[in-house]
Amino acid sequence: MAQHKPDAYKGMDEDQIRMEMGREGYNPRRIEEAPNTVYKPRKNLVDLLLVFLKGDAHLRVGDEEFHCNTGDRLQIPGNVEYSAKVGKDGVVYLLTELELIGD
């Protein structure tokens, strides 16, 4: 299912994180979400990789729940239902779409 790595990029700024992601072959786009934004359940056709730069969000991926904070990395498998609620201060994250690796 989902792969959550808390503090994967702890203490790194956005440029350093982008450099690390670039070494892995990723070219993410930056997303800013307003406080308390809610995403109703949905599925994507591709896997998603999110790296949290600022703020927090609570995500449900399949039957799993994750509270993601600054520095966390979360990979959401394609074709798996997920939903999210952004924290009270909003959230900024890097998003990359990946080839399907999930079942």
Foldseek 3Di string as FASTA:
>chain_A
DKDKDALQPPPHAPVVVCVVVVVVVWDWDKDWFAAFDKFDKDFAQFKKKKAWQAFWKWKQWANDIDIHHHNMIMIHAGPIIMIMTGHRHTTMITMTTHHGPDD
